[in-house]
Protein backbone atom coordinates (compact mmCIF):
# COMPACT_ATOMS: atom_id res chain seq x y z
CA MET A 1 8.87 -27.86 -14.70
CA SER A 2 5.71 -25.78 -15.00
CA ASP A 3 5.41 -22.33 -13.41
CA ARG A 4 3.20 -23.84 -10.71
CA LYS A 5 6.02 -26.05 -9.48
CA HIS A 6 8.28 -23.02 -9.12
CA LYS A 7 5.94 -20.18 -8.24
CA ILE A 8 5.66 -18.41 -4.87
CA THR A 9 3.30 -15.48 -4.35
CA PHE A 10 4.11 -12.61 -1.98
CA VAL A 11 1.32 -10.43 -0.62
CA VAL A 12 1.51 -7.16 1.30
CA PRO A 13 -1.95 -6.61 2.84
CA THR A 14 -4.08 -3.50 2.62
CA ALA A 15 -3.73 -1.06 5.52
CA CYS A 16 -5.77 1.76 7.05
CA TYR A 17 -2.54 3.45 8.16
CA THR A 18 -1.94 7.03 7.06
CA PRO A 19 1.60 8.48 7.17
CA SER A 20 2.65 11.74 8.78
CA ARG A 21 1.26 14.80 7.04
CA GLY A 22 3.47 15.82 4.14
CA TRP A 23 4.78 12.27 3.73
CA ASP A 24 1.92 10.61 1.87
CA LYS A 25 4.23 8.72 -0.49
CA ALA A 26 5.77 6.88 2.46
CA ALA A 27 2.60 4.75 2.72
CA VAL A 28 3.18 2.93 -0.57
CA ALA A 29 6.91 2.27 -0.70
CA PRO A 30 7.85 -1.45 -0.97
CA LEU A 31 8.45 -3.15 2.39
CA GLU A 32 12.11 -3.97 2.90
CA GLY A 33 11.57 -7.25 4.78
CA ALA A 34 9.16 -8.70 2.22
CA THR A 35 11.51 -7.62 -0.59
CA LEU A 36 14.45 -9.37 1.08
CA ALA A 37 12.50 -12.62 1.51
CA ALA A 38 11.32 -12.52 -2.10
CA THR A 39 14.86 -11.77 -3.30
CA LEU A 40 16.28 -14.79 -1.47
CA LEU A 41 13.63 -17.13 -2.88
CA GLN A 42 14.17 -15.81 -6.39
CA LYS A 43 17.92 -16.42 -6.03
CA ALA A 44 17.09 -19.97 -4.91
CA GLY A 45 15.37 -20.57 -8.25
CA TYR A 46 11.71 -19.88 -7.49
CA LYS A 47 9.51 -17.71 -9.67
CA VAL A 48 8.28 -14.93 -7.39
CA GLN A 49 5.20 -12.80 -8.01
CA CYS A 50 4.59 -9.86 -5.66
CA PHE A 51 1.43 -7.89 -4.87
CA ASP A 52 1.36 -4.74 -2.74
CA LEU A 53 -2.32 -4.25 -1.95
CA ARG A 54 -1.66 -1.01 -0.04
CA LEU A 55 -1.09 0.60 -3.42
CA ASP A 56 -4.07 -0.98 -5.15
CA ALA A 57 -6.58 -3.03 -3.17
CA ASP A 58 -8.22 -4.08 -6.45
CA GLN A 59 -5.24 -6.36 -7.06
CA LYS A 60 -6.59 -8.69 -4.38
CA THR A 61 -8.44 -10.84 -6.93
CA LEU A 62 -5.23 -11.23 -8.95
CA ALA A 63 -3.30 -12.00 -5.77
CA VAL A 64 -5.75 -14.76 -4.76
CA ARG A 65 -5.60 -16.26 -8.25
CA SER A 66 -1.80 -16.16 -8.29
CA ALA A 67 -1.62 -17.59 -4.77
CA SER A 68 -3.99 -20.45 -5.53
CA GLU A 69 -1.70 -21.47 -8.41
CA SER A 70 1.51 -21.30 -6.34
CA VAL A 71 3.45 -23.87 -4.34
CA ALA A 72 3.41 -21.51 -1.35
CA VAL A 73 2.18 -18.07 -0.33
CA CYS A 74 4.14 -15.59 1.79
CA ILE A 75 2.34 -12.73 3.53
CA ALA A 76 3.99 -9.72 5.18
CA GLY A 77 2.12 -9.21 8.45
CA ALA A 78 1.97 -5.86 10.23
CA PRO A 79 -0.18 -5.55 13.40
CA ASP A 80 -2.87 -3.64 11.50
CA SER A 81 -3.22 -6.36 8.86
CA TYR A 82 -4.70 -9.07 11.10
CA ARG A 83 -8.28 -8.84 9.84
CA PHE A 84 -7.19 -8.82 6.20
CA ILE A 85 -4.94 -11.84 6.74
CA ARG A 86 -7.69 -13.82 8.43
CA GLU A 87 -10.14 -13.14 5.60
CA PHE A 88 -7.60 -13.50 2.78
CA CYS A 89 -6.38 -16.88 4.05
CA THR A 90 -9.95 -18.15 4.41
CA GLU A 91 -10.72 -17.14 0.83
CA LEU A 92 -7.49 -18.63 -0.48
CA LYS A 93 -8.05 -21.96 1.28
CA SER A 94 -11.53 -22.16 -0.28
CA TYR A 95 -9.76 -22.40 -3.66
CA ASN A 96 -6.84 -24.58 -2.56
CA GLU A 97 -7.00 -26.13 0.91
CA GLN A 98 -3.50 -27.61 0.56
CA ILE A 99 -1.63 -24.39 -0.25
CA PRO A 100 0.91 -23.64 2.53
CA ILE A 101 0.61 -20.08 3.86
CA ILE A 102 3.67 -18.54 5.50
CA LEU A 103 3.35 -15.36 7.55
CA GLY A 104 6.31 -13.12 8.34
CA GLY A 105 6.78 -9.66 9.82
CA PRO A 106 6.05 -8.22 13.27
CA LEU A 107 2.54 -9.70 13.44
CA SER A 108 4.02 -13.17 13.00
CA THR A 109 6.93 -12.54 15.36
CA PHE A 110 4.85 -11.24 18.26
CA GLY A 111 1.44 -12.82 17.65
CA TRP A 112 2.18 -16.28 16.25
CA ASP A 113 0.19 -18.24 18.84
CA THR A 114 -2.98 -16.22 18.23
CA ILE A 115 -2.47 -16.25 14.45
CA LEU A 116 -2.20 -20.03 14.33
CA CYS A 117 -5.27 -20.47 16.56
CA LYS A 118 -7.50 -17.91 14.87
CA THR A 119 -6.59 -17.97 11.16
CA LYS A 120 -5.72 -20.45 8.40
CA VAL A 121 -2.04 -19.44 8.35
CA ASN A 122 0.11 -22.59 8.43
CA TYR A 123 3.52 -21.25 9.44
CA CYS A 124 4.64 -18.15 11.35
CA LEU A 125 8.25 -17.14 10.74
CA VAL A 126 9.50 -15.52 13.95
CA GLY A 127 12.18 -12.86 13.62
CA GLU A 128 14.50 -12.26 10.69
CA CYS A 129 14.07 -14.13 7.42
CA GLU A 130 17.55 -14.26 5.87
CA ARG A 131 18.74 -17.59 7.30
CA VAL A 132 15.34 -19.25 7.30
CA ILE A 133 13.00 -18.47 4.41
CA VAL A 134 14.57 -20.68 1.71
CA LYS A 135 15.09 -23.63 4.09
CA LEU A 136 11.54 -23.26 5.39
CA VAL A 137 9.98 -23.33 1.91
CA GLU A 138 12.08 -26.36 0.92
CA CYS A 139 11.13 -28.13 4.13
CA VAL A 140 7.43 -27.44 3.64
CA LEU A 141 7.44 -28.52 -0.01
CA GLN A 142 9.11 -31.79 0.99
CA GLY A 143 6.29 -32.44 3.46
CA LYS A 144 8.56 -32.16 6.48
CA MET A 145 7.89 -30.36 9.76
CA PRO A 146 10.15 -27.32 10.38
CA ILE A 147 11.51 -28.64 13.68
CA ASN A 148 14.36 -26.57 15.18
CA PHE A 149 13.38 -23.59 13.05
CA PRO A 150 12.40 -20.13 14.32
CA VAL A 151 8.97 -21.03 12.96
CA ALA A 152 5.71 -21.74 14.78
CA PHE A 153 3.20 -24.17 13.25
CA VAL A 154 0.36 -26.51 14.12
CA HIS A 155 0.82 -30.29 14.29
CA ALA A 156 -1.85 -32.76 15.41
CA GLY A 157 -3.98 -29.92 16.68
CA LYS A 158 -1.20 -28.50 18.84
CA VAL A 159 0.72 -25.26 18.29
CA ILE A 160 4.45 -25.98 18.11
CA ALA A 161 6.48 -23.05 19.43
CA PRO A 162 9.44 -21.68 17.44
CA THR A 163 13.03 -22.22 18.46
CA ARG A 164 15.28 -19.23 19.14
CA SER A 165 17.62 -18.18 16.36
CA PRO A 166 20.80 -16.06 16.53
CA LYS A 167 20.48 -12.55 15.14
CA VAL A 168 21.52 -12.12 11.52
CA CYS A 169 24.77 -10.26 10.82
CA MET A 170 24.17 -7.33 8.49
CA SER A 171 26.81 -8.73 6.12
CA GLU A 172 24.38 -11.64 5.48
CA VAL A 173 21.61 -9.32 4.30
CA PRO A 174 21.49 -9.22 0.48
CA TYR A 175 20.60 -6.20 -1.61
CA PRO A 176 16.77 -6.19 -1.79
CA ASP A 177 15.64 -6.53 -5.41
CA TYR A 178 12.94 -3.87 -5.60
CA THR A 179 12.28 -4.66 -9.26
CA LEU A 180 10.21 -7.60 -8.01
CA TRP A 181 7.42 -5.07 -7.32
CA LYS A 182 7.51 -3.55 -10.80
CA GLU A 183 4.44 -5.39 -12.11
CA SER A 184 2.37 -4.65 -8.99
CA TYR A 185 3.33 -0.97 -8.93
CA GLY A 186 2.71 -0.41 -12.64
CA SER A 187 2.91 3.30 -13.48
CA HIS A 188 3.96 4.02 -9.87
CA TYR A 189 7.25 2.21 -10.43
CA PRO A 190 9.85 3.18 -9.52
CA PRO A 191 8.39 4.57 -6.30
CA SER A 192 9.60 8.07 -5.55
CA LEU A 193 10.63 6.99 -2.04
CA LEU A 194 12.27 3.80 -0.78
CA TYR A 195 12.90 2.44 2.71
CA TYR A 196 16.37 1.16 3.56
CA SER A 197 17.93 -0.04 6.82
CA THR A 198 21.53 0.81 7.65
CA GLN A 199 21.25 -0.99 11.02
CA ARG A 200 19.00 -3.33 12.95
CA GLY A 201 18.03 -3.51 16.58
CA CYS A 202 17.72 -0.75 19.14
CA ARG A 203 19.48 -0.14 22.44
CA GLY A 204 16.37 1.53 23.82
CA LYS A 205 14.05 -0.26 26.24
CA CYS A 206 10.86 1.77 25.80
CA SER A 207 7.95 -0.16 27.33
CA PHE A 208 5.48 0.79 24.60
CA CYS A 209 7.71 -0.54 21.80
CA ALA A 210 8.12 -4.10 20.50
CA LEU A 211 11.40 -3.52 18.63
CA PRO A 212 14.31 -3.63 21.12
CA GLY A 213 17.06 -6.05 20.15
CA ARG A 214 20.82 -6.37 19.71
CA TRP A 215 22.11 -3.41 17.72
CA ARG A 216 23.91 -4.31 14.47
CA PRO A 217 25.15 -1.77 11.89
CA SER A 218 25.91 -2.45 8.23
CA GLU A 219 29.41 -1.88 6.88
CA GLU A 220 29.94 1.42 5.08
CA SER A 221 30.90 -0.37 1.84
CA LYS A 222 27.65 -2.38 1.80
CA ILE A 223 25.56 0.74 2.41
CA ALA A 224 27.32 2.56 -0.42
CA SER A 225 26.82 -0.35 -2.82
CA ASP A 226 23.14 -0.82 -1.96
CA LEU A 227 22.27 2.88 -2.12
CA THR A 228 24.02 3.25 -5.47
CA LYS A 229 21.76 0.53 -6.89
CA ILE A 230 18.70 2.19 -5.37
CA ARG A 231 19.63 5.53 -6.91
CA GLU A 232 20.05 3.85 -10.30
CA LEU A 233 16.41 2.66 -10.09
CA GLY A 234 15.32 6.29 -10.38
CA VAL A 235 14.26 6.70 -6.75
CA LYS A 236 14.05 10.36 -5.67
CA LYS A 237 14.17 10.09 -1.88
CA LEU A 238 15.34 7.72 0.88
CA PHE A 239 13.79 6.97 4.24
CA PHE A 240 16.10 5.14 6.61
CA SER A 241 13.87 2.66 8.41
CA ASP A 242 16.40 2.08 11.22
CA PRO A 243 14.52 1.97 14.54
CA THR A 244 16.82 4.74 15.81
CA PHE A 245 19.18 6.24 13.25
CA ASN A 246 21.39 8.05 15.78
CA THR A 247 22.02 5.05 18.01
CA GLU A 248 25.75 5.56 17.43
CA THR A 249 27.23 8.84 16.20
CA LYS A 250 30.14 7.22 14.35
CA HIS A 251 27.75 5.11 12.25
CA CYS A 252 25.52 8.11 11.48
CA LEU A 253 28.42 10.22 10.29
CA ALA A 254 29.68 7.38 8.08
CA VAL A 255 26.25 7.04 6.44
CA ALA A 256 26.00 10.81 6.00
CA SER A 257 29.41 10.83 4.32
CA VAL A 258 28.37 8.07 1.90
CA ILE A 259 25.23 9.95 0.91
CA LYS A 260 26.99 13.30 0.50
CA GLU A 261 29.97 11.99 -1.47
CA GLN A 262 28.40 9.19 -3.52
CA ILE A 263 24.60 9.07 -3.48
CA ARG A 264 23.37 12.68 -3.35
CA LEU A 265 19.71 11.97 -2.61
CA PRO A 266 17.50 13.68 -0.01
CA TRP A 267 16.67 11.52 2.99
CA ALA A 268 14.88 11.33 6.34
CA CYS A 269 15.13 9.14 9.44
CA HIS A 270 13.85 8.32 12.93
CA ILE A 271 15.93 9.63 15.83
CA ARG A 272 15.95 9.81 19.60
CA ALA A 273 16.68 13.04 21.49
CA LYS A 274 20.36 12.29 22.09
CA PRO A 275 22.95 12.59 20.70
CA SER A 276 21.68 15.72 18.97
CA SER A 277 24.18 18.59 18.97
CA ARG A 278 23.96 21.42 16.47
CA SER A 279 27.21 20.30 14.79
CA PHE A 280 25.82 16.76 14.42
CA PHE A 281 22.65 18.02 12.74
CA GLU A 282 24.67 20.33 10.50
CA VAL A 283 26.51 17.30 9.11
CA LEU A 284 23.22 15.47 8.50
CA LYS A 285 21.67 18.44 6.72
CA LYS A 286 24.69 19.02 4.50
CA SER A 287 24.50 15.38 3.43
CA GLY A 288 20.89 15.79 2.26
CA CYS A 289 18.80 15.08 5.36
CA GLU A 290 15.54 16.97 4.97
CA ALA A 291 13.45 15.75 7.92
CA LEU A 292 13.79 14.16 11.36
CA PHE A 293 11.14 12.01 13.04
CA LEU A 294 11.69 12.34 16.78
CA GLY A 295 10.24 10.18 19.54
CA ILE A 296 9.00 12.66 22.14
CA GLU A 297 6.06 10.63 23.53
CA SER A 298 5.14 12.95 26.44
CA ALA A 299 6.12 16.21 28.14
CA GLU A 300 5.64 14.64 31.56
CA GLU A 301 8.97 13.56 33.05
CA ALA A 302 7.30 10.92 35.24
CA ILE A 303 5.82 9.19 32.17
CA LEU A 304 9.16 9.26 30.34
CA ARG A 305 10.77 7.55 33.33
CA GLN A 306 7.90 5.11 33.89
CA TYR A 307 8.14 3.83 30.31
CA ASN A 308 11.95 3.70 30.18
CA LYS A 309 12.24 6.31 27.45
CA GLY A 310 15.87 6.97 28.34
CA THR A 311 15.65 10.68 27.52
CA SER A 312 14.52 13.64 29.58
CA LEU A 313 12.47 16.68 28.64
CA LYS A 314 15.70 18.67 28.72
CA ASP A 315 17.21 16.30 26.13
CA ILE A 316 14.15 16.71 23.90
CA GLU A 317 14.21 20.50 24.15
CA SER A 318 17.90 20.55 23.31
CA CYS A 319 17.32 18.30 20.29
CA LEU A 320 14.50 20.48 18.97
CA ALA A 321 16.59 23.63 19.45
CA SER A 322 19.59 22.15 17.61
CA ALA A 323 17.41 21.01 14.70
CA SER A 324 15.75 24.41 14.50
CA ASP A 325 19.13 26.18 14.54
CA VAL A 326 20.27 24.37 11.39
CA GLY A 327 16.87 24.49 9.66
CA LEU A 328 15.95 20.79 9.92
CA PRO A 329 12.18 20.23 10.20
CA VAL A 330 11.03 17.82 12.90
CA TRP A 331 7.96 15.60 13.12
CA GLY A 332 7.46 14.71 16.78
CA PHE A 333 5.82 11.43 17.81
CA LEU A 334 3.54 11.70 20.85
CA ILE A 335 1.70 8.91 22.67
CA LEU A 336 -1.49 9.98 24.43
CA GLY A 337 -3.15 7.99 27.21
CA LEU A 338 -0.44 5.70 28.51
CA PRO A 339 -1.40 4.21 31.88
CA GLY A 340 -0.33 6.90 34.36
CA GLU A 341 -1.46 9.71 32.05
CA THR A 342 -3.48 12.44 33.81
CA LYS A 343 -5.29 15.63 32.86
CA GLN A 344 -2.26 17.53 34.08
CA SER A 345 0.23 15.51 32.03
CA LEU A 346 -1.88 15.98 28.91
CA ARG A 347 -1.94 19.72 29.56
CA LYS A 348 1.86 19.70 29.83
CA THR A 349 2.16 17.90 26.50
CA ILE A 350 -0.20 20.38 24.82
CA GLU A 351 1.75 23.35 26.21
CA PHE A 352 5.06 21.77 25.19
CA THR A 353 3.79 21.23 21.65
CA ALA A 354 2.43 24.77 21.41
CA ASN A 355 5.77 26.24 22.52
CA HIS A 356 8.19 24.22 20.36
CA ALA A 357 8.66 24.09 16.60
CA PHE A 358 7.71 20.60 15.44
CA ALA A 359 4.78 18.98 13.64
CA PRO A 360 3.05 16.66 16.12
CA ARG A 361 2.23 13.09 15.13
CA ALA A 362 -0.01 12.00 18.00
CA THR A 363 -1.34 8.48 18.53
CA PHE A 364 -3.26 6.86 21.34
CA ALA A 365 -1.43 4.36 23.53
CA THR A 366 -1.83 0.90 21.98
CA PRO A 367 -0.72 -2.43 23.51
CA PHE A 368 1.03 -3.73 20.39
CA PRO A 369 1.95 -7.43 20.67
CA GLY A 370 5.53 -7.76 21.85
CA SER A 371 5.59 -4.58 23.95
CA VAL A 372 5.66 -4.40 27.75
CA LEU A 373 2.39 -2.47 27.56
CA HIS A 374 0.86 -5.45 25.76
CA HIS A 375 1.93 -7.83 28.54
CA ILE A 376 0.44 -5.51 31.17
CA PHE A 377 -2.84 -5.37 29.25
CA LEU A 378 -2.84 -9.14 28.71
CA GLU A 379 -2.15 -10.02 32.35
CA ASP A 380 -4.94 -7.74 33.50
CA ALA A 381 -7.43 -9.35 31.10
CA ILE A 382 -6.38 -12.92 31.98
CA LYS A 383 -6.90 -12.14 35.68
CA GLU A 384 -10.49 -11.35 34.74
CA GLY A 385 -10.86 -14.83 33.23
CA ALA A 386 -10.24 -14.11 29.53
CA ARG A 387 -8.36 -16.51 27.24
CA LYS A 388 -5.04 -15.19 25.92
CA GLU A 389 -5.84 -15.84 22.25
CA ASP A 390 -9.19 -14.06 22.56
CA VAL A 391 -7.61 -11.02 24.21
CA VAL A 392 -4.85 -10.74 21.60
CA GLU A 393 -7.38 -11.15 18.80
CA ARG A 394 -9.48 -8.35 20.29
CA ILE A 395 -6.42 -6.10 20.36
CA LEU A 396 -5.52 -6.98 16.77
CA GLU A 397 -9.08 -6.31 15.62
CA GLN A 398 -8.87 -2.82 17.08
CA VAL A 399 -5.39 -2.23 15.68
CA SER A 400 -6.69 -3.23 12.23
CA ASP A 401 -8.86 -0.09 12.28
CA LEU A 402 -6.15 2.39 13.29
CA ARG A 403 -5.59 5.22 10.83
CA TYR A 404 -3.39 7.61 12.86
CA ASP A 405 -5.18 10.56 11.26
CA GLY A 406 -6.91 11.95 14.34
CA THR A 407 -10.11 9.92 13.93
CA ASP A 408 -9.08 6.90 16.04
CA GLU A 409 -10.71 6.15 19.39
CA PRO A 410 -8.55 5.57 22.50
CA MET A 411 -8.38 1.93 23.56
CA GLN A 412 -9.45 0.98 27.08
CA LEU A 413 -6.29 0.33 29.10
CA PRO A 414 -5.83 -0.76 32.73
CA GLY A 415 -4.72 1.96 35.15
CA ARG A 416 -6.19 4.83 33.18
CA GLU A 417 -7.57 7.76 35.13
CA ILE A 418 -11.39 7.82 35.26
CA GLY A 419 -12.88 10.45 32.96
CA LEU A 420 -9.75 10.82 30.84
CA VAL A 421 -11.19 9.54 27.54
CA PRO A 422 -13.10 12.75 26.59
CA ILE A 423 -9.96 14.78 27.31
CA LEU A 424 -7.90 12.39 25.20
CA ARG A 425 -10.28 12.96 22.29
CA GLU A 426 -10.04 16.74 22.70
CA THR A 427 -6.25 16.56 22.89
CA MET A 428 -6.08 14.44 19.74
CA ALA A 429 -8.30 16.90 17.86
CA TRP A 430 -6.03 19.77 18.91
CA MET A 431 -2.88 17.84 17.92
CA THR A 432 -4.36 16.97 14.52
CA GLN A 433 -5.17 20.61 13.79
CA MET A 434 -1.72 21.68 15.01
CA ALA A 435 -0.11 19.17 12.64
CA VAL A 436 -1.97 20.69 9.70
CA GLU A 437 -0.77 24.18 10.63
CA ARG A 438 2.80 23.22 11.49
CA VAL A 439 3.53 21.21 8.34
CA GLY A 440 2.95 24.36 6.32
CA GLN A 441 5.28 26.34 8.57
CA LEU A 442 8.25 23.97 8.73
CA PRO A 443 11.35 24.87 6.68
């Protein structure tokens, strides 16, 4: 067979996103989900060519050419990639109208109905890819409809909703073959930092988040095997992309032991404010942990309760104190302007930030598809007579411009206090300057 009969092109879209200060390299590490899907298709016998346009947007021409000569195209969709995906798919279809385009990732999972109505994407894979991606490609190439798949698609002008699929067991997740990105990354390969998940799902129920799901940890032996292969690539640092690394203390300590005894690479992770004792953080630091990314969100207790954060201000203060005691630097995530935010609550958050040792990473409240906040925003707009797909597209257009660098504008949300927007801008400017100062002061 020719290459065309085997070839599948993977594309990671460009992004305006900027990482937390001091972590610039985190913006261009290969995406774990896209790597897993590409790995599975390669094992199934397909020739896979991968392009990460976040690293080099000039590769777009090569990506379009490769895609137009492939049997299928897979795109990794984040919420901020909507505009790129719409334009990329239109350009690709102008070269080859018949090429099937498969979208995966959170944009596909939470925005499939809008994607299929507003772009030239053919199939939206909803949820995890491991049990589906190879069967989906085979089904599509045979000209069959993916009925009873966790895949949304259009048939006879009607959007066919996906079926529900059981969550994947972590034992089913293969080692992601990061060498598939070698050609795209060029002189930047191997990347100095790689993302890796030791668990999936989150027990939290935060209303502003789209990620809650059944918690599933990987076995210690699998983690050790995978991380050994990653270290052998020449990677210098790990970032555990678990939604909440300290969901379960026993799992955390097992991972820390693996890293300390076998891997010996510096690492960082996302955590919640509990559990977070000094002894717990001491174990993490001794294993090579060099940074914690903590979800603080607000210093107003009423907002933490309203959005089901599951932690109190006392928990957050205790966490920050424990991290400081053992010399672990903390980047603290803050969300400004959630419905219910007031001038007084913003003042509390500013004072809390000024009085505690962490580098703030502030963002404006955004109704990301899949979150409770998104549903609130959507219901309010529909009551005013708007069409769902138009509202979601408007949100995605705005999300496509987010940079998280202090220059973003707050989105208009229902229930926001009148006159709050200028104060939100001032607060963001202060937080951005504080981040610059604090990053240089952290241990």
